[in-house]
C-alpha atoms as a PDB file:
ATOM      1  CA  MET A   1      -2.672  -0.526  21.307  1.00  0.00           C
ATOM      2  CA  ILE A   2      -1.962   0.167  17.658  1.00  0.00           C
ATOM      3  CA  LYS A   3      -1.941  -2.575  15.021  1.00  0.00           C
ATOM      4  CA  THR A   4       1.308  -3.064  13.117  1.00  0.00           C
ATOM      5  CA  SER A   5       1.862  -4.891   9.859  1.00  0.00           C
ATOM      6  CA  TYR A   6       4.507  -5.090   7.182  1.00  0.00           C
ATOM      7  CA  SER A   7       4.338  -5.274   3.419  1.00  0.00           C
ATOM      8  CA  THR A   8       5.912  -8.323   1.837  1.00  0.00           C
ATOM      9  CA  LEU A   9       7.819  -5.965  -0.464  1.00  0.00           C
ATOM     10  CA  SER A  10      10.146  -6.008   2.546  1.00  0.00           C
ATOM     11  CA  CYS A  11      11.002  -9.690   2.163  1.00  0.00           C
ATOM     12  CA  PRO A  12      10.682 -10.662  -1.502  1.00  0.00           C
ATOM     13  CA  ASP A  13      12.211 -14.118  -1.093  1.00  0.00           C
ATOM     14  CA  TRP A  14      10.172 -15.336   1.873  1.00  0.00           C
ATOM     15  CA  SER A  15       7.664 -18.167   1.685  1.00  0.00           C
ATOM     16  CA  TRP A  16       4.169 -18.092   3.203  1.00  0.00           C
ATOM     17  CA  ARG A  17       5.415 -19.914   6.307  1.00  0.00           C
ATOM     18  CA  GLU A  18       8.266 -17.449   6.726  1.00  0.00           C
ATOM     19  CA  LEU A  19       5.825 -14.529   6.496  1.00  0.00           C
ATOM     20  CA  LEU A  20       3.967 -15.881   9.508  1.00  0.00           C
ATOM     21  CA  GLU A  21       6.982 -17.112  11.455  1.00  0.00           C
ATOM     22  CA  PHE A  22       9.050 -13.948  11.214  1.00  0.00           C
ATOM     23  CA  GLY A  23       6.072 -11.620  11.424  1.00  0.00           C
ATOM     24  CA  VAL A  24       5.133 -13.053  14.800  1.00  0.00           C
ATOM     25  CA  ARG A  25       8.765 -13.218  15.946  1.00  0.00           C
ATOM     26  CA  TYR A  26       9.352  -9.562  15.113  1.00  0.00           C
ATOM     27  CA  GLY A  27       6.268  -8.384  17.000  1.00  0.00           C
ATOM     28  CA  TYR A  28       3.821  -7.630  14.191  1.00  0.00           C
ATOM     29  CA  ASP A  29       0.076  -8.149  14.383  1.00  0.00           C
ATOM     30  CA  GLY A  30      -0.332  -8.887  10.703  1.00  0.00           C
ATOM     31  CA  VAL A  31       1.012  -8.787   7.177  1.00  0.00           C
ATOM     32  CA  GLU A  32       0.053  -6.898   4.028  1.00  0.00           C
ATOM     33  CA  ILE A  33       0.652  -9.242   1.120  1.00  0.00           C
ATOM     34  CA  ARG A  34       2.096  -7.662  -2.021  1.00  0.00           C
ATOM     35  CA  LEU A  35       4.048 -10.685  -3.228  1.00  0.00           C
ATOM     36  CA  ILE A  36       5.297 -14.084  -2.152  1.00  0.00           C
ATOM     37  CA  GLU A  37       8.658 -15.389  -3.333  1.00  0.00           C
ATOM     38  CA  ARG A  38       8.866 -12.498  -5.832  1.00  0.00           C
ATOM     39  CA  GLU A  39       5.527 -13.313  -7.466  1.00  0.00           C
ATOM     40  CA  THR A  40       3.268 -10.249  -7.440  1.00  0.00           C
ATOM     41  CA  ASP A  41       0.301 -12.049  -9.021  1.00  0.00           C
ATOM     42  CA  LEU A  42      -1.207 -13.428  -5.832  1.00  0.00           C
ATOM     43  CA  LEU A  43      -4.028 -15.065  -7.766  1.00  0.00           C
ATOM     44  CA  SER A  44      -1.502 -17.470  -9.292  1.00  0.00           C
ATOM     45  CA  ARG A  45       0.103 -18.530  -6.019  1.00  0.00           C
ATOM     46  CA  PRO A  46      -0.377 -22.209  -5.077  1.00  0.00           C
ATOM     47  CA  GLU A  47      -0.905 -21.214  -1.415  1.00  0.00           C
ATOM     48  CA  PHE A  48      -4.124 -19.464  -2.430  1.00  0.00           C
ATOM     49  CA  ARG A  49      -5.789 -22.143  -4.489  1.00  0.00           C
ATOM     50  CA  PRO A  50      -9.367 -22.661  -3.247  1.00  0.00           C
ATOM     51  CA  SER A  51      -8.463 -26.074  -1.838  1.00  0.00           C
ATOM     52  CA  GLU A  52      -5.671 -24.502   0.255  1.00  0.00           C
ATOM     53  CA  LEU A  53      -7.581 -21.650   1.868  1.00  0.00           C
ATOM     54  CA  VAL A  54      -8.899 -23.612   4.847  1.00  0.00           C
ATOM     55  CA  SER A  55      -5.285 -24.441   5.735  1.00  0.00           C
ATOM     56  CA  ARG A  56      -4.237 -20.793   5.371  1.00  0.00           C
ATOM     57  CA  ARG A  57      -7.007 -19.647   7.709  1.00  0.00           C
ATOM     58  CA  ARG A  58      -6.060 -22.300  10.236  1.00  0.00           C
ATOM     59  CA  GLU A  59      -2.391 -21.292  10.127  1.00  0.00           C
ATOM     60  CA  LEU A  60      -3.265 -17.641  10.660  1.00  0.00           C
ATOM     61  CA  ALA A  61      -5.534 -18.483  13.600  1.00  0.00           C
ATOM     62  CA  ASN A  62      -2.930 -20.737  15.189  1.00  0.00           C
ATOM     63  CA  ALA A  63      -0.301 -18.008  14.875  1.00  0.00           C
ATOM     64  CA  GLY A  64      -2.624 -15.293  16.222  1.00  0.00           C
ATOM     65  CA  PHE A  65      -1.744 -13.352  13.088  1.00  0.00           C
ATOM     66  CA  GLN A  66      -3.759 -11.533  10.417  1.00  0.00           C
ATOM     67  CA  VAL A  67      -3.605 -10.712   6.751  1.00  0.00           C
ATOM     68  CA  CYS A  68      -4.592  -7.056   7.012  1.00  0.00           C
ATOM     69  CA  GLY A  69      -4.873  -6.556   3.258  1.00  0.00           C
ATOM     70  CA  LEU A  70      -3.863  -7.594  -0.239  1.00  0.00           C
ATOM     71  CA  ALA A  71      -1.811  -5.118  -2.280  1.00  0.00           C
ATOM     72  CA  SER A  72      -2.739  -5.753  -5.903  1.00  0.00           C
ATOM     73  CA  SER A  73      -1.326  -4.263  -9.105  1.00  0.00           C
ATOM     74  CA  VAL A  74      -4.844  -3.340 -10.286  1.00  0.00           C
ATOM     75  CA  ARG A  75      -4.836   0.078 -11.947  1.00  0.00           C
ATOM     76  CA  PHE A  76      -7.450   2.129 -13.779  1.00  0.00           C
ATOM     77  CA  ASP A  77      -5.353   4.586 -15.796  1.00  0.00           C
ATOM     78  CA  ASP A  78      -5.532   2.792 -19.161  1.00  0.00           C
ATOM     79  CA  VAL A  79      -7.277   4.800 -21.900  1.00  0.00           C
ATOM     80  CA  ASN A  80      -8.799   1.591 -23.267  1.00  0.00           C
ATOM     81  CA  ALA A  81     -12.185   0.736 -21.723  1.00  0.00           C
ATOM     82  CA  GLY A  82     -11.659  -2.987 -22.327  1.00  0.00           C
ATOM     83  CA  ALA A  83      -8.372  -2.914 -20.424  1.00  0.00           C
ATOM     84  CA  ARG A  84     -10.061  -1.148 -17.498  1.00  0.00           C
ATOM     85  CA  LYS A  85     -12.836  -3.747 -17.531  1.00  0.00           C
ATOM     86  CA  LYS A  86     -10.213  -6.485 -17.302  1.00  0.00           C
ATOM     87  CA  GLN A  87      -8.672  -4.711 -14.308  1.00  0.00           C
ATOM     88  CA  ILE A  88     -12.058  -4.682 -12.583  1.00  0.00           C
ATOM     89  CA  GLU A  89     -12.352  -8.450 -13.125  1.00  0.00           C
ATOM     90  CA  ILE A  90      -8.894  -8.991 -11.641  1.00  0.00           C
ATOM     91  CA  GLY A  91      -9.818  -6.716  -8.753  1.00  0.00           C
ATOM     92  CA  GLN A  92     -12.955  -8.754  -8.081  1.00  0.00           C
ATOM     93  CA  ALA A  93     -10.854 -11.915  -7.825  1.00  0.00           C
ATOM     94  CA  TYR A  94      -8.604 -10.129  -5.327  1.00  0.00           C
ATOM     95  CA  VAL A  95     -11.649  -9.094  -3.296  1.00  0.00           C
ATOM     96  CA  ASP A  96     -12.789 -12.731  -3.204  1.00  0.00           C
ATOM     97  CA  LEU A  97      -9.360 -13.857  -2.018  1.00  0.00           C
ATOM     98  CA  ALA A  98      -9.141 -11.075   0.566  1.00  0.00           C
ATOM     99  CA  ALA A  99     -12.490 -12.138   2.011  1.00  0.00           C
ATOM    100  CA  GLU A 100     -11.323 -15.761   2.235  1.00  0.00           C
ATOM    101  CA  LEU A 101      -8.212 -14.688   4.149  1.00  0.00           C
ATOM    102  CA  GLY A 102     -10.074 -12.328   6.479  1.00  0.00           C
ATOM    103  CA  ALA A 103      -8.326  -9.269   5.020  1.00  0.00           C
ATOM    104  CA  SER A 104     -10.014  -5.890   5.333  1.00  0.00           C
ATOM    105  CA  PHE A 105      -8.948  -4.297   2.045  1.00  0.00           C
ATOM    106  CA  VAL A 106      -7.542  -4.619  -1.453  1.00  0.00           C
ATOM    107  CA  ARG A 107      -5.095  -1.914  -2.541  1.00  0.00           C
ATOM    108  CA  VAL A 108      -5.379  -0.571  -6.104  1.00  0.00           C
ATOM    109  CA  PHE A 109      -3.713   2.228  -8.072  1.00  0.00           C
ATOM    110  CA  GLY A 110      -4.843   5.267  -9.970  1.00  0.00           C
ATOM    111  CA  ASP A 111      -1.201   5.320 -11.134  1.00  0.00           C
ATOM    112  CA  VAL A 112      -0.512   7.950 -13.830  1.00  0.00           C
ATOM    113  CA  LEU A 113      -2.391  10.648 -15.719  1.00  0.00           C
ATOM    114  CA  PRO A 114      -1.701  11.650 -19.362  1.00  0.00           C
ATOM    115  CA  GLU A 115       1.409  13.789 -19.638  1.00  0.00           C
ATOM    116  CA  HIS A 116       1.131  17.257 -21.193  1.00  0.00           C
ATOM    117  CA  ALA A 117      -2.624  16.775 -21.654  1.00  0.00           C
ATOM    118  CA  ASP A 118      -5.164  19.562 -21.662  1.00  0.00           C
ATOM    119  CA  ALA A 119      -7.609  19.913 -18.780  1.00  0.00           C
ATOM    120  CA  ALA A 120     -10.407  17.998 -20.529  1.00  0.00           C
ATOM    121  CA  VAL A 121      -8.236  14.937 -21.258  1.00  0.00           C
ATOM    122  CA  ARG A 122      -6.885  14.953 -17.721  1.00  0.00           C
ATOM    123  CA  GLN A 123     -10.381  15.240 -16.263  1.00  0.00           C
ATOM    124  CA  ASN A 124     -11.587  12.368 -18.427  1.00  0.00           C
ATOM    125  CA  ALA A 125      -8.774  10.178 -17.101  1.00  0.00           C
ATOM    126  CA  ILE A 126      -9.721  11.020 -13.511  1.00  0.00           C
ATOM    127  CA  GLU A 127     -13.368  10.204 -14.257  1.00  0.00           C
ATOM    128  CA  ASN A 128     -12.360   6.830 -15.739  1.00  0.00           C
ATOM    129  CA  ILE A 129     -10.354   5.996 -12.631  1.00  0.00           C
ATOM    130  CA  ALA A 130     -13.208   7.052 -10.350  1.00  0.00           C
ATOM    131  CA  GLU A 131     -15.584   4.868 -12.361  1.00  0.00           C
ATOM    132  CA  GLY A 132     -13.260   1.873 -11.989  1.00  0.00           C
ATOM    133  CA  LEU A 133     -13.026   2.442  -8.250  1.00  0.00           C
ATOM    134  CA  THR A 134     -16.807   2.776  -7.966  1.00  0.00           C
ATOM    135  CA  ARG A 135     -17.527  -0.418  -9.899  1.00  0.00           C
ATOM    136  CA  LEU A 136     -14.991  -2.444  -7.956  1.00  0.00           C
ATOM    137  CA  GLY A 137     -16.243  -0.904  -4.706  1.00  0.00           C
ATOM    138  CA  GLU A 138     -19.806  -1.913  -5.514  1.00  0.00           C
ATOM    139  CA  TYR A 139     -18.645  -5.495  -5.913  1.00  0.00           C
ATOM    140  CA  ALA A 140     -16.684  -5.312  -2.663  1.00  0.00           C
ATOM    141  CA  GLU A 141     -19.767  -4.050  -0.811  1.00  0.00           C
ATOM    142  CA  THR A 142     -21.399  -7.438  -1.293  1.00  0.00           C
ATOM    143  CA  ILE A 143     -18.427  -9.309   0.218  1.00  0.00           C
ATOM    144  CA  GLY A 144     -16.672  -7.145   2.799  1.00  0.00           C
ATOM    145  CA  PRO A 145     -13.142  -5.946   1.995  1.00  0.00           C
ATOM    146  CA  ALA A 146     -12.741  -2.264   1.136  1.00  0.00           C
ATOM    147  CA  ILE A 147     -11.082  -0.935  -2.010  1.00  0.00           C
ATOM    148  CA  LEU A 148      -8.269   1.499  -1.227  1.00  0.00           C
ATOM    149  CA  ILE A 149      -6.510   3.734  -3.729  1.00  0.00           C
ATOM    150  CA  GLU A 150      -2.942   4.494  -2.686  1.00  0.00           C
ATOM    151  CA  THR A 151      -1.208   7.869  -2.710  1.00  0.00           C
ATOM    152  CA  HIS A 152       1.256   6.588  -5.284  1.00  0.00           C
ATOM    153  CA  GLY A 153       2.486   7.754  -8.678  1.00  0.00           C
ATOM    154  CA  ASP A 154       0.592  10.821  -9.873  1.00  0.00           C
ATOM    155  CA  PHE A 155      -1.819  10.161  -7.013  1.00  0.00           C
ATOM    156  CA  SER A 156       0.902  11.084  -4.549  1.00  0.00           C
ATOM    157  CA  ASP A 157      -0.446  14.558  -5.294  1.00  0.00           C
ATOM    158  CA  SER A 158      -3.279  14.695  -2.782  1.00  0.00           C
ATOM    159  CA  GLN A 159      -5.246  17.137  -4.933  1.00  0.00           C
ATOM    160  CA  VAL A 160      -5.490  14.485  -7.655  1.00  0.00           C
ATOM    161  CA  THR A 161      -6.580  11.816  -5.170  1.00  0.00           C
ATOM    162  CA  GLN A 162      -9.089  14.214  -3.619  1.00  0.00           C
ATOM    163  CA  GLN A 163     -10.570  15.072  -7.027  1.00  0.00           C
ATOM    164  CA  THR A 164     -10.880  11.379  -7.806  1.00  0.00           C
ATOM    165  CA  MET A 165     -12.461  10.413  -4.492  1.00  0.00           C
ATOM    166  CA  GLN A 166     -15.012  13.212  -4.812  1.00  0.00           C
ATOM    167  CA  LEU A 167     -16.257  11.451  -7.963  1.00  0.00           C
ATOM    168  CA  VAL A 168     -16.438   7.968  -6.427  1.00  0.00           C
ATOM    169  CA  CYS A 169     -19.993   6.868  -5.701  1.00  0.00           C
ATOM    170  CA  CYS A 170     -19.358   4.050  -3.247  1.00  0.00           C
ATOM    171  CA  GLY A 171     -18.707   4.116   0.489  1.00  0.00           C
ATOM    172  CA  GLU A 172     -16.613   0.950   0.290  1.00  0.00           C
ATOM    173  CA  VAL A 173     -13.822   2.880  -1.465  1.00  0.00           C
ATOM    174  CA  GLY A 174     -11.220   4.674   0.623  1.00  0.00           C
ATOM    175  CA  VAL A 175      -7.626   5.869   0.610  1.00  0.00           C
ATOM    176  CA  LEU A 176      -4.422   4.125   1.569  1.00  0.00           C
ATOM    177  CA  TRP A 177      -2.255   6.996   2.746  1.00  0.00           C
ATOM    178  CA  ASP A 178       1.362   6.267   1.980  1.00  0.00           C
ATOM    179  CA  THR A 179       2.432   8.927   4.444  1.00  0.00           C
ATOM    180  CA  HIS A 180       5.848   9.329   2.799  1.00  0.00           C
ATOM    181  CA  HIS A 181       4.934   9.851  -0.855  1.00  0.00           C
ATOM    182  CA  PRO A 182       3.005  13.173  -0.925  1.00  0.00           C
ATOM    183  CA  TRP A 183       5.551  14.632   1.508  1.00  0.00           C
ATOM    184  CA  ARG A 184       8.652  13.482  -0.382  1.00  0.00           C
ATOM    185  CA  PHE A 185       7.546  13.495  -4.019  1.00  0.00           C
ATOM    186  CA  CYS A 186       5.140  16.451  -4.016  1.00  0.00           C
ATOM    187  CA  ASN A 187       6.630  18.533  -1.187  1.00  0.00           C
ATOM    188  CA  GLU A 188       3.292  18.556   0.604  1.00  0.00           C
ATOM    189  CA  GLU A 189       2.989  19.510   4.241  1.00  0.00           C
ATOM    190  CA  LEU A 190       1.413  16.632   6.171  1.00  0.00           C
ATOM    191  CA  PRO A 191      -1.531  18.725   7.481  1.00  0.00           C
ATOM    192  CA  THR A 192      -2.334  19.757   3.900  1.00  0.00           C
ATOM    193  CA  THR A 193      -2.410  16.155   2.717  1.00  0.00           C
ATOM    194  CA  PHE A 194      -4.499  14.997   5.645  1.00  0.00           C
ATOM    195  CA  ASP A 195      -6.921  17.909   5.351  1.00  0.00           C
ATOM    196  CA  ARG A 196      -7.648  16.813   1.787  1.00  0.00           C
ATOM    197  CA  LEU A 197      -7.756  13.057   2.307  1.00  0.00           C
ATOM    198  CA  GLY A 198      -8.295  12.367   6.004  1.00  0.00           C
ATOM    199  CA  GLN A 199     -12.005  11.575   5.696  1.00  0.00           C
ATOM    200  CA  TRP A 200     -11.180   8.618   3.436  1.00  0.00           C
ATOM    201  CA  VAL A 201      -7.991   7.263   5.043  1.00  0.00           C
ATOM    202  CA  ARG A 202      -8.385   3.642   6.192  1.00  0.00           C
ATOM    203  CA  HIS A 203      -4.841   2.281   6.058  1.00  0.00           C
ATOM    204  CA  THR A 204      -1.345   3.783   6.258  1.00  0.00           C
ATOM    205  CA  HIS A 205       2.082   2.963   4.841  1.00  0.00           C
ATOM    206  CA  TRP A 206       5.221   4.038   6.654  1.00  0.00           C
ATOM    207  CA  LYS A 207       8.758   4.515   5.416  1.00  0.00           C
ATOM    208  CA  ASP A 208      11.602   6.993   5.819  1.00  0.00           C
ATOM    209  CA  SER A 209      14.124   8.561   3.457  1.00  0.00           C
ATOM    210  CA  ILE A 210      16.835  11.151   3.022  1.00  0.00           C
ATOM    211  CA  VAL A 211      18.129  13.018  -0.015  1.00  0.00           C
ATOM    212  CA  ARG A 212      21.459  11.742  -1.329  1.00  0.00           C
ATOM    213  CA  PRO A 213      23.498  12.857  -4.344  1.00  0.00           C
ATOM    214  CA  GLN A 214      22.486  10.920  -7.451  1.00  0.00           C
ATOM    215  CA  LEU A 215      24.615   7.783  -7.696  1.00  0.00           C
ATOM    216  CA  SER A 216      25.101   5.425 -10.623  1.00  0.00           C
ATOM    217  CA  LYS A 217      22.992   2.253 -10.420  1.00  0.00           C
ATOM    218  CA  ASN A 218      24.362  -1.248 -10.739  1.00  0.00           C
ATOM    219  CA  GLU A 219      22.587  -3.800 -12.931  1.00  0.00           C
ATOM    220  CA  GLU A 220      20.588  -5.377 -10.071  1.00  0.00           C
ATOM    221  CA  VAL A 221      19.256  -1.993  -8.952  1.00  0.00           C
ATOM    222  CA  HIS A 222      18.444  -1.001 -12.537  1.00  0.00           C
ATOM    223  CA  GLN A 223      16.541  -4.241 -13.193  1.00  0.00           C
ATOM    224  CA  ALA A 224      14.517  -3.924  -9.974  1.00  0.00           C
ATOM    225  CA  ALA A 225      13.504  -0.363 -10.862  1.00  0.00           C
ATOM    226  CA  GLN A 226      12.541  -1.506 -14.366  1.00  0.00           C
ATOM    227  CA  GLN A 227      10.361  -4.300 -12.967  1.00  0.00           C
ATOM    228  CA  ALA A 228       8.634  -1.826 -10.656  1.00  0.00           C
ATOM    229  CA  HIS A 229       7.896   0.514 -13.584  1.00  0.00           C
ATOM    230  CA  GLU A 230       6.432  -2.325 -15.624  1.00  0.00           C
ATOM    231  CA  LEU A 231       3.889  -3.013 -12.873  1.00  0.00           C
ATOM    232  CA  MET A 232       3.348   0.609 -11.826  1.00  0.00           C
ATOM    233  CA  SER A 233       4.250   3.398 -14.233  1.00  0.00           C
ATOM    234  CA  GLY A 234       4.071   5.820 -11.333  1.00  0.00           C
ATOM    235  CA  HIS A 235       6.872   4.180  -9.340  1.00  0.00           C
ATOM    236  CA  ARG A 236       9.388   6.795  -8.147  1.00  0.00           C
ATOM    237  CA  HIS A 237      12.822   6.508  -6.597  1.00  0.00           C
ATOM    238  CA  ALA A 238      13.643   7.591  -3.055  1.00  0.00           C
ATOM    239  CA  ASP A 239      16.725   7.134  -0.920  1.00  0.00           C
ATOM    240  CA  TYR A 240      15.174   4.938   1.753  1.00  0.00           C
ATOM    241  CA  VAL A 241      16.694   4.520   5.200  1.00  0.00           C
ATOM    242  CA  LEU A 242      15.676   2.524   8.243  1.00  0.00           C
ATOM    243  CA  PHE A 243      12.498   3.802   9.843  1.00  0.00           C
ATOM    244  CA  GLY A 244      13.216   6.715  12.184  1.00  0.00           C
ATOM    245  CA  ALA A 245      16.685   7.363  10.736  1.00  0.00           C
ATOM    246  CA  GLY A 246      15.610   9.771   8.008  1.00  0.00           C
ATOM    247  CA  GLU A 247      13.840  13.061   7.477  1.00  0.00           C
ATOM    248  CA  PHE A 248      10.181  12.032   7.563  1.00  0.00           C
ATOM    249  CA  PRO A 249       8.277  13.919  10.335  1.00  0.00           C
ATOM    250  CA  VAL A 250       6.825  10.854  12.047  1.00  0.00           C
ATOM    251  CA  LEU A 251       5.537  12.535  15.210  1.00  0.00           C
ATOM    252  CA  GLU A 252       3.669  15.191  13.255  1.00  0.00           C
ATOM    253  CA  CYS A 253       2.000  12.492  11.193  1.00  0.00           C
ATOM    254  CA  LEU A 254       1.046  10.475  14.262  1.00  0.00           C
ATOM    255  CA  ARG A 255      -0.496  13.541  15.890  1.00  0.00           C
ATOM    256  CA  LEU A 256      -2.698  14.124  12.860  1.00  0.00           C
ATOM    257  CA  LEU A 257      -3.903  10.532  12.939  1.00  0.00           C
ATOM    258  CA  HIS A 258      -4.455  10.540  16.686  1.00  0.00           C
ATOM    259  CA  HIS A 259      -6.529  13.725  16.627  1.00  0.00           C
ATOM    260  CA  ALA A 260      -8.645  12.240  13.821  1.00  0.00           C
ATOM    261  CA  GLY A 261      -9.290   9.049  15.804  1.00  0.00           C
ATOM    262  CA  TYR A 262      -7.523   6.815  13.290  1.00  0.00           C
ATOM    263  CA  ASP A 263      -7.819   3.139  14.233  1.00  0.00           C
ATOM    264  CA  GLY A 264      -6.390   1.440  11.141  1.00  0.00           C
ATOM    265  CA  TRP A 265      -3.139  -0.388  10.594  1.00  0.00           C
ATOM    266  CA  PHE A 266       0.383   1.035  10.670  1.00  0.00           C
ATOM    267  CA  SER A 267       2.138  -0.881   7.893  1.00  0.00           C
ATOM    268  CA  LEU A 268       5.873  -0.739   7.204  1.00  0.00           C
ATOM    269  CA  GLU A 269       6.537  -0.708   3.472  1.00  0.00           C
ATOM    270  CA  TRP A 270      10.259  -1.426   3.247  1.00  0.00           C
ATOM    271  CA  GLU A 271      10.685  -1.618  -0.545  1.00  0.00           C
ATOM    272  CA  LYS A 272      13.418  -4.256  -0.707  1.00  0.00           C
ATOM    273  CA  MET A 273      11.873  -5.781  -3.844  1.00  0.00           C
ATOM    274  CA  TRP A 274      12.280  -2.550  -5.810  1.00  0.00           C
ATOM    275  CA  HIS A 275      15.409  -1.318  -3.990  1.00  0.00           C
ATOM    276  CA  PRO A 276      17.770  -4.287  -3.548  1.00  0.00           C
ATOM    277  CA  GLU A 277      20.483  -1.954  -2.274  1.00  0.00           C
ATOM    278  CA  ILE A 278      18.686  -1.261   1.024  1.00  0.00           C
ATOM    279  CA  GLU A 279      19.052  -3.358   4.181  1.00  0.00           C
ATOM    280  CA  ASP A 280      17.755  -6.915   4.352  1.00  0.00           C
ATOM    281  CA  PRO A 281      14.404  -7.654   6.038  1.00  0.00           C
ATOM    282  CA  GLU A 282      16.127  -9.302   8.994  1.00  0.00           C
ATOM    283  CA  ILE A 283      17.571  -5.869   9.821  1.00  0.00           C
ATOM    284  CA  ALA A 284      14.726  -3.553   8.820  1.00  0.00           C
ATOM    285  CA  LEU A 285      11.633  -5.413   9.981  1.00  0.00           C
ATOM    286  CA  PRO A 286      12.394  -5.992  13.695  1.00  0.00           C
ATOM    287  CA  LEU A 287      12.865  -2.232  14.272  1.00  0.00           C
ATOM    288  CA  PHE A 288       9.458  -0.965  13.238  1.00  0.00           C
ATOM    289  CA  PRO A 289       6.878  -2.305  15.739  1.00  0.00           C
ATOM    290  CA  GLY A 290       8.739  -1.056  18.795  1.00  0.00           C
ATOM    291  CA  ARG A 291       9.619   2.296  17.275  1.00  0.00           C
ATOM    292  CA  ILE A 292       6.145   3.148  16.000  1.00  0.00           C
ATOM    293  CA  ARG A 293       4.514   2.071  19.275  1.00  0.00           C
ATOM    294  CA  THR A 294       6.966   4.130  21.346  1.00  0.00           C
ATOM    295  CA  LEU A 295       6.324   7.191  19.189  1.00  0.00           C
ATOM    296  CA  TRP A 296       2.549   6.639  19.337  1.00  0.00           C
ATOM    297  CA  GLU A 297       2.717   6.603  23.127  1.00  0.00           C
ATOM    298  CA  LEU A 298       4.520   9.977  23.033  1.00  0.00           C
ATOM    299  CA  VAL A 299       1.544  11.318  21.129  1.00  0.00           C
ATOM    300  CA  TRP A 300      -1.057   9.436  23.168  1.00  0.00           C
ATOM    301  CA  PRO A 301       0.374   8.281  26.517  1.00  0.00           C
ATOM    302  CA  VAL A 302      -1.232   5.115  27.873  1.00  0.00           C
END
């Protein structure tokens, strides 16, 4: 049986208790925490103060529910070495928290590379990002949770992620394959992406989209997109639809994972926080566990 989770981007206004209550009710095995009540800095949340962590572990155990991972905003694309060092320190605190919650990974970003740069500048940026991943991975090795770089921003291009991972000197660093992003934003065929990155893939994000004519944005939509860009320069727009109702080739993706023996999580990333115009979590979240499990059984009948 596959393991399903959902990102809390799906439900930006929910409290910790709602994450557990609705996650269990909707048939998920766990949750990937990106934010709680619109706060993306998980280290500042009162639920995760050291004195509260015993209670959080008890609540998870009582619910039969897991925190599969923590999705941080840590990124290593800054040209300033001091800024990258600060990101490593923040990442270490996320690793500590992930271990306390029993989570198996912390998500980080490569994010963006210098625009219009020559090959040497671009290569230097990739080396800096690989160094940040290596150093954070070495810390994580002593505690448990893996460090996963997501196919997001400029790293939606699987060649860039591959080049970076080939420079990482730590086995505790892997890839979070947002299955949608290389396909939609870089026009990559799924087998091409997986051929480049499959050896490192430890977690997957799932979403679906179509292509619509460009529409004018209202103020709420504009502000949400601006907030996303402030956290992640590489954030890109897509016309998201309910899972299974769009153009993403889900079955092809599942076949690739099945043949590779993938045993990680299948995590719905319904980006309600950044796209307030899409359906509410009460509509989007209940659909995913049943749909992904039904499709998985088509690929691998029980």
